[in-house]
Amino acid sequence: MSTGLRSGIYTGPVFHRRLRPRVHALRYRLFMLLVDLDEWDDLVGRLRWLGAGRFGLMTMRQSDHGDGSETPLKVQIEQRMRDAGLATGGRVQLLTLPRILGYGFNPLSVYYCHAQDGRLSAILYEVSNTFGGRHSYLMPVGAASGPVRQAVGKAFHVSPFMDMDLTYRFEVDPPEGVEAEATRVSITVDDADGPMLLTGFSGLRSEMTDANLRRAWLGHPLLTLKVIAGIHWEAVRLLLKGLRLRGGVTPAHPVTVGGPSETSTGVHHA
């Protein structure tokens, strides 16, 4: 029986393939939670395996996202949208990894931001690095149907093996409502010579219930530890392949705002 929740669990593969200067690839499975921010309190209040701010099998903390403050996350996201002149007033859904046994790390969390009339107004990509930094790319969504395609210049240092003069191209199948059986986020990283890195996640939906949360954990018991361990192990492998370390910069603003499609070049900060 359906729970009627817009929130859900998405399970599937993550892939990462570097094309240049050394070919390098990895692929593994994980699960992510899609949390409708209007349902946050209800979810952590009624689900045994999904706590809020306490140690447990899985934990969700709003302070793990946004500016890290106690300001409600939806208030933060909608303020960023208003600062960028984007329509707000609808649901905001967050696709992210939970903390597992108290530990959490999210290389990428994705917010699907809707206007009051229900249309998808923007997608916000919240990127974290292993040095404790966090930056967001807020991308308006155009009126075209089908996958959402967006592009923006890199503004935040993530991998020590990647230069800053790069472009991110996103292709997204948003999880539209409880009938959405799948979602997908793909990212192509381009330099002046073309694509150099392909990465992404695709997942199939299950209902947000205690039984399904327990099943997801049993299939991926060390989820966030696996993510951070994988990042560092892959760094070792890249060093052994001869890649040199690059320096990075700290953006002056917490949010980079880009255009609605991959043909847009305008970028400003909020």
Protein backbone atom coordinates (compact mmCIF):
# COMPACT_ATOMS: atom_id res chain seq x y z
CA MET A 1 0.00 0.00 0.00
CA SER A 2 1.31 3.43 -0.93
CA THR A 3 2.29 5.74 1.93
CA GLY A 4 1.23 8.78 -0.10
CA LEU A 5 4.56 10.43 0.68
CA ARG A 6 6.39 12.41 -1.97
CA SER A 7 9.64 11.35 -0.26
CA GLY A 8 11.19 8.04 -1.30
CA ILE A 9 14.29 5.84 -1.49
CA TYR A 10 16.27 5.56 -4.73
CA THR A 11 18.72 2.68 -5.18
CA GLY A 12 21.09 2.15 -8.09
CA PRO A 13 24.59 2.51 -9.50
CA VAL A 14 27.05 5.38 -9.32
CA PHE A 15 29.60 5.56 -12.12
CA HIS A 16 32.72 7.66 -12.55
CA ARG A 17 34.88 7.55 -15.67
CA ARG A 18 37.88 9.76 -16.34
CA LEU A 19 38.77 9.96 -20.04
CA ARG A 20 41.94 12.08 -19.91
CA PRO A 21 44.86 12.29 -19.25
CA ARG A 22 44.61 8.74 -17.85
CA VAL A 23 41.63 6.45 -18.37
CA HIS A 24 40.21 5.55 -14.98
CA ALA A 25 36.78 4.17 -14.00
CA LEU A 26 34.77 2.95 -11.03
CA ARG A 27 31.21 1.81 -10.44
CA TYR A 28 29.33 0.80 -7.31
CA ARG A 29 25.80 0.72 -5.92
CA LEU A 30 24.26 2.89 -3.23
CA PHE A 31 20.94 4.33 -2.13
CA MET A 32 19.92 7.95 -1.75
CA LEU A 33 16.94 9.46 0.02
CA LEU A 34 14.61 11.87 -1.73
CA VAL A 35 13.18 14.02 1.05
CA ASP A 36 10.39 16.48 0.44
CA LEU A 37 11.39 19.29 2.82
CA ASP A 38 7.73 19.83 3.79
CA GLU A 39 7.68 16.21 5.01
CA TRP A 40 10.97 16.37 6.95
CA ASP A 41 9.52 16.56 10.48
CA ASP A 42 6.94 13.87 9.73
CA LEU A 43 9.57 11.50 8.34
CA VAL A 44 12.06 11.75 11.19
CA GLY A 45 9.25 11.69 13.73
CA ARG A 46 7.48 8.53 12.60
CA LEU A 47 10.20 6.40 10.97
CA ARG A 48 12.11 4.24 13.44
CA TRP A 49 15.21 3.94 11.29
CA LEU A 50 15.47 7.61 10.27
CA GLY A 51 16.34 9.87 13.19
CA ALA A 52 16.93 13.60 13.43
CA GLY A 53 20.02 14.92 15.17
CA ARG A 54 20.64 11.76 17.18
CA PHE A 55 22.86 8.74 16.73
CA GLY A 56 21.09 5.93 14.92
CA LEU A 57 21.06 3.55 12.01
CA MET A 58 20.34 6.49 9.70
CA THR A 59 20.20 10.17 10.56
CA MET A 60 19.09 13.26 8.69
CA ARG A 61 20.29 16.69 9.87
CA GLN A 62 19.28 19.89 8.16
CA SER A 63 22.52 21.45 9.43
CA ASP A 64 24.44 19.03 7.18
CA HIS A 65 23.19 21.11 4.26
CA GLY A 66 22.83 24.72 3.19
CA ASP A 67 24.76 27.19 5.34
CA GLY A 68 24.99 24.72 8.23
CA SER A 69 22.78 26.83 10.49
CA GLU A 70 19.55 25.96 12.29
CA THR A 71 17.51 28.00 9.80
CA PRO A 72 15.02 25.59 8.18
CA LEU A 73 16.50 24.26 4.98
CA LYS A 74 13.50 25.13 2.81
CA VAL A 75 13.67 28.73 4.02
CA GLN A 76 17.34 28.86 2.99
CA ILE A 77 16.78 27.36 -0.45
CA GLU A 78 13.79 29.58 -1.25
CA GLN A 79 15.75 32.67 -0.17
CA ARG A 80 18.53 31.72 -2.57
CA MET A 81 15.96 31.34 -5.33
CA ARG A 82 14.39 34.71 -4.59
CA ASP A 83 17.85 36.32 -4.58
CA ALA A 84 18.31 34.89 -8.09
CA GLY A 85 14.88 36.11 -9.25
CA LEU A 86 13.40 32.60 -9.52
CA ALA A 87 9.84 31.50 -8.82
CA THR A 88 9.26 29.81 -5.45
CA GLY A 89 6.31 28.63 -3.37
CA GLY A 90 6.15 24.95 -4.36
CA ARG A 91 7.74 21.83 -2.97
CA VAL A 92 11.50 21.46 -2.57
CA GLN A 93 12.83 17.90 -2.74
CA LEU A 94 16.33 16.96 -1.61
CA LEU A 95 18.16 13.94 -3.07
CA THR A 96 20.96 13.08 -0.66
CA LEU A 97 22.81 10.48 1.38
CA PRO A 98 21.80 10.04 5.03
CA ARG A 99 24.26 9.73 7.86
CA ILE A 100 24.94 6.06 8.60
CA LEU A 101 25.68 5.17 12.24
CA GLY A 102 26.37 8.85 12.88
CA TYR A 103 28.75 9.45 9.96
CA GLY A 104 27.90 11.34 6.81
CA PHE A 105 29.53 12.79 3.72
CA ASN A 106 27.70 14.04 0.63
CA PRO A 107 29.84 14.77 -2.44
CA LEU A 108 26.66 15.94 -4.20
CA SER A 109 23.16 16.68 -2.94
CA VAL A 110 20.50 17.79 -5.41
CA TYR A 111 17.48 20.00 -4.70
CA TYR A 112 14.48 20.00 -7.05
CA CYS A 113 12.80 23.37 -6.52
CA HIS A 114 9.24 24.00 -7.69
CA ALA A 115 7.18 27.11 -8.23
CA GLN A 116 3.76 27.61 -6.64
CA ASP A 117 2.04 26.31 -9.78
CA GLY A 118 3.91 22.98 -9.46
CA ARG A 119 6.38 23.41 -12.31
CA LEU A 120 10.07 22.70 -11.75
CA SER A 121 11.62 26.15 -11.41
CA ALA A 122 15.26 25.33 -10.65
CA ILE A 123 17.72 22.64 -9.61
CA LEU A 124 20.33 23.40 -6.97
CA TYR A 125 23.47 21.22 -6.92
CA GLU A 126 25.15 21.32 -3.51
CA VAL A 127 28.77 20.16 -3.78
CA SER A 128 31.01 19.25 -0.83
CA ASN A 129 34.70 18.44 -0.87
CA THR A 130 36.80 16.37 1.51
CA PHE A 131 38.44 19.55 2.88
CA GLY A 132 35.24 20.65 4.62
CA GLY A 133 34.10 23.11 1.95
CA ARG A 134 30.66 23.42 0.39
CA HIS A 135 29.34 25.34 -2.62
CA SER A 136 26.07 25.37 -4.55
CA TYR A 137 25.21 25.82 -8.22
CA LEU A 138 21.65 27.15 -8.67
CA MET A 139 20.39 26.44 -12.18
CA PRO A 140 17.05 27.71 -13.55
CA VAL A 141 14.96 25.18 -15.49
CA GLY A 142 13.55 26.14 -18.87
CA ALA A 143 10.21 25.14 -20.33
CA ALA A 144 11.48 22.31 -22.56
CA SER A 145 10.14 18.80 -21.91
CA GLY A 146 12.30 15.70 -21.41
CA PRO A 147 15.59 15.56 -19.51
CA VAL A 148 16.77 18.81 -17.95
CA ARG A 149 20.08 19.93 -19.48
CA GLN A 150 22.13 22.66 -17.82
CA ALA A 151 25.71 23.91 -17.79
CA VAL A 152 27.85 26.14 -15.60
CA GLY A 153 31.52 26.98 -15.18
CA LYS A 154 33.36 25.36 -12.28
CA ALA A 155 33.70 27.74 -9.33
CA PHE A 156 34.64 25.45 -6.43
CA HIS A 157 37.67 23.24 -5.81
CA VAL A 158 36.59 19.60 -5.45
CA SER A 159 39.16 17.10 -6.71
CA PRO A 160 42.89 17.84 -6.29
CA PHE A 161 43.36 16.16 -9.70
CA MET A 162 41.12 18.60 -11.61
CA ASP A 163 41.88 22.13 -12.81
CA MET A 164 39.51 25.02 -12.15
CA ASP A 165 39.04 26.06 -15.80
CA LEU A 166 36.29 23.51 -16.46
CA THR A 167 32.59 23.36 -17.31
CA TYR A 168 29.95 21.12 -15.74
CA ARG A 169 27.18 19.84 -18.01
CA PHE A 170 24.22 18.32 -16.16
CA GLU A 171 21.55 16.03 -17.58
CA VAL A 172 18.77 15.17 -15.13
CA ASP A 173 15.60 13.11 -15.08
CA PRO A 174 13.83 14.69 -12.08
CA PRO A 175 11.73 12.55 -9.71
CA GLU A 176 8.35 14.08 -10.48
CA GLY A 177 5.89 12.95 -7.81
CA VAL A 178 5.21 9.56 -6.25
CA GLU A 179 4.62 8.01 -9.66
CA ALA A 180 8.26 8.56 -10.65
CA GLU A 181 9.84 5.10 -10.64
CA ALA A 182 13.34 6.32 -11.47
CA THR A 183 15.61 9.34 -11.34
CA ARG A 184 18.95 10.14 -12.93
CA VAL A 185 21.69 12.74 -12.50
CA SER A 186 24.56 12.71 -15.01
CA ILE A 187 27.47 15.15 -15.10
CA THR A 188 29.99 15.66 -17.89
CA VAL A 189 33.07 17.70 -17.06
CA ASP A 190 34.61 19.52 -20.04
CA ASP A 191 37.89 21.32 -20.52
CA ALA A 192 38.97 23.28 -23.59
CA ASP A 193 39.46 20.02 -25.52
CA GLY A 194 36.07 18.49 -24.70
CA PRO A 195 34.79 15.87 -22.21
CA MET A 196 37.34 14.64 -19.70
CA LEU A 197 35.14 13.12 -16.98
CA LEU A 198 31.73 11.41 -16.89
CA THR A 199 29.91 10.71 -13.63
CA GLY A 200 26.39 10.11 -12.43
CA PHE A 201 23.75 8.24 -10.43
CA SER A 202 20.56 6.50 -11.52
CA GLY A 203 18.14 4.98 -9.06
CA LEU A 204 14.83 3.13 -8.85
CA ARG A 205 12.25 4.25 -6.32
CA SER A 206 10.84 2.42 -3.31
CA GLU A 207 8.44 3.76 -0.70
CA MET A 208 9.85 5.55 2.35
CA THR A 209 8.98 2.97 5.01
CA ASP A 210 10.88 1.42 7.91
CA ALA A 211 10.94 -1.93 6.13
CA ASN A 212 12.46 -0.41 2.99
CA LEU A 213 14.96 1.69 4.96
CA ARG A 214 16.11 -1.43 6.79
CA ARG A 215 16.35 -3.32 3.49
CA ALA A 216 18.38 -0.50 1.91
CA TRP A 217 20.77 -0.44 4.87
CA LEU A 218 21.24 -4.21 4.86
CA GLY A 219 22.22 -3.99 1.19
CA HIS A 220 24.63 -1.08 1.83
CA PRO A 221 25.50 -1.18 5.56
CA LEU A 222 28.55 1.10 5.37
CA LEU A 223 27.16 3.46 2.75
CA THR A 224 28.78 6.80 3.63
CA LEU A 225 31.98 5.17 4.86
CA LYS A 226 32.20 3.39 1.51
CA VAL A 227 31.80 6.70 -0.30
CA ILE A 228 34.57 8.50 1.58
CA ALA A 229 36.87 5.44 1.56
CA GLY A 230 36.28 5.09 -2.18
CA ILE A 231 37.20 8.72 -2.78
CA HIS A 232 40.51 8.34 -0.97
CA TRP A 233 41.31 4.96 -2.52
CA GLU A 234 40.69 6.33 -5.98
CA ALA A 235 42.97 9.28 -5.15
CA VAL A 236 45.75 6.84 -4.33
CA ARG A 237 45.20 5.00 -7.60
CA LEU A 238 45.30 8.27 -9.59
CA LEU A 239 48.56 9.25 -7.89
CA LEU A 240 50.02 5.89 -8.82
CA LYS A 241 48.96 6.52 -12.42
CA GLY A 242 51.05 9.68 -12.40
CA LEU A 243 48.44 12.43 -12.12
CA ARG A 244 49.72 15.54 -10.38
CA LEU A 245 47.85 17.51 -7.73
CA ARG A 246 46.17 20.82 -8.60
CA GLY A 247 45.46 23.77 -6.37
CA GLY A 248 42.04 25.32 -5.89
CA VAL A 249 40.22 28.46 -4.86
CA THR A 250 37.55 29.36 -2.32
CA PRO A 251 34.58 31.10 -3.99
CA ALA A 252 33.71 34.57 -2.71
CA HIS A 253 30.01 33.63 -2.73
CA PRO A 254 28.30 30.45 -1.46
CA VAL A 255 26.11 30.12 -4.56
CA THR A 256 26.89 30.31 -8.27
CA VAL A 257 23.81 30.97 -10.43
CA GLY A 258 23.90 29.74 -14.02
CA GLY A 259 21.67 29.80 -17.07
CA PRO A 260 18.79 27.37 -17.74
CA SER A 261 20.44 25.37 -20.54
CA GLU A 262 23.82 24.14 -21.68
CA THR A 263 23.87 26.86 -24.33
CA SER A 264 23.66 29.58 -21.67
CA THR A 265 26.92 31.29 -20.74
CA GLY A 266 25.78 33.91 -18.24
CA VAL A 267 26.81 33.24 -14.63
CA HIS A 268 26.38 35.45 -11.59
CA HIS A 269 26.56 35.02 -7.84
CA ALA A 270 23.97 35.22 -5.08
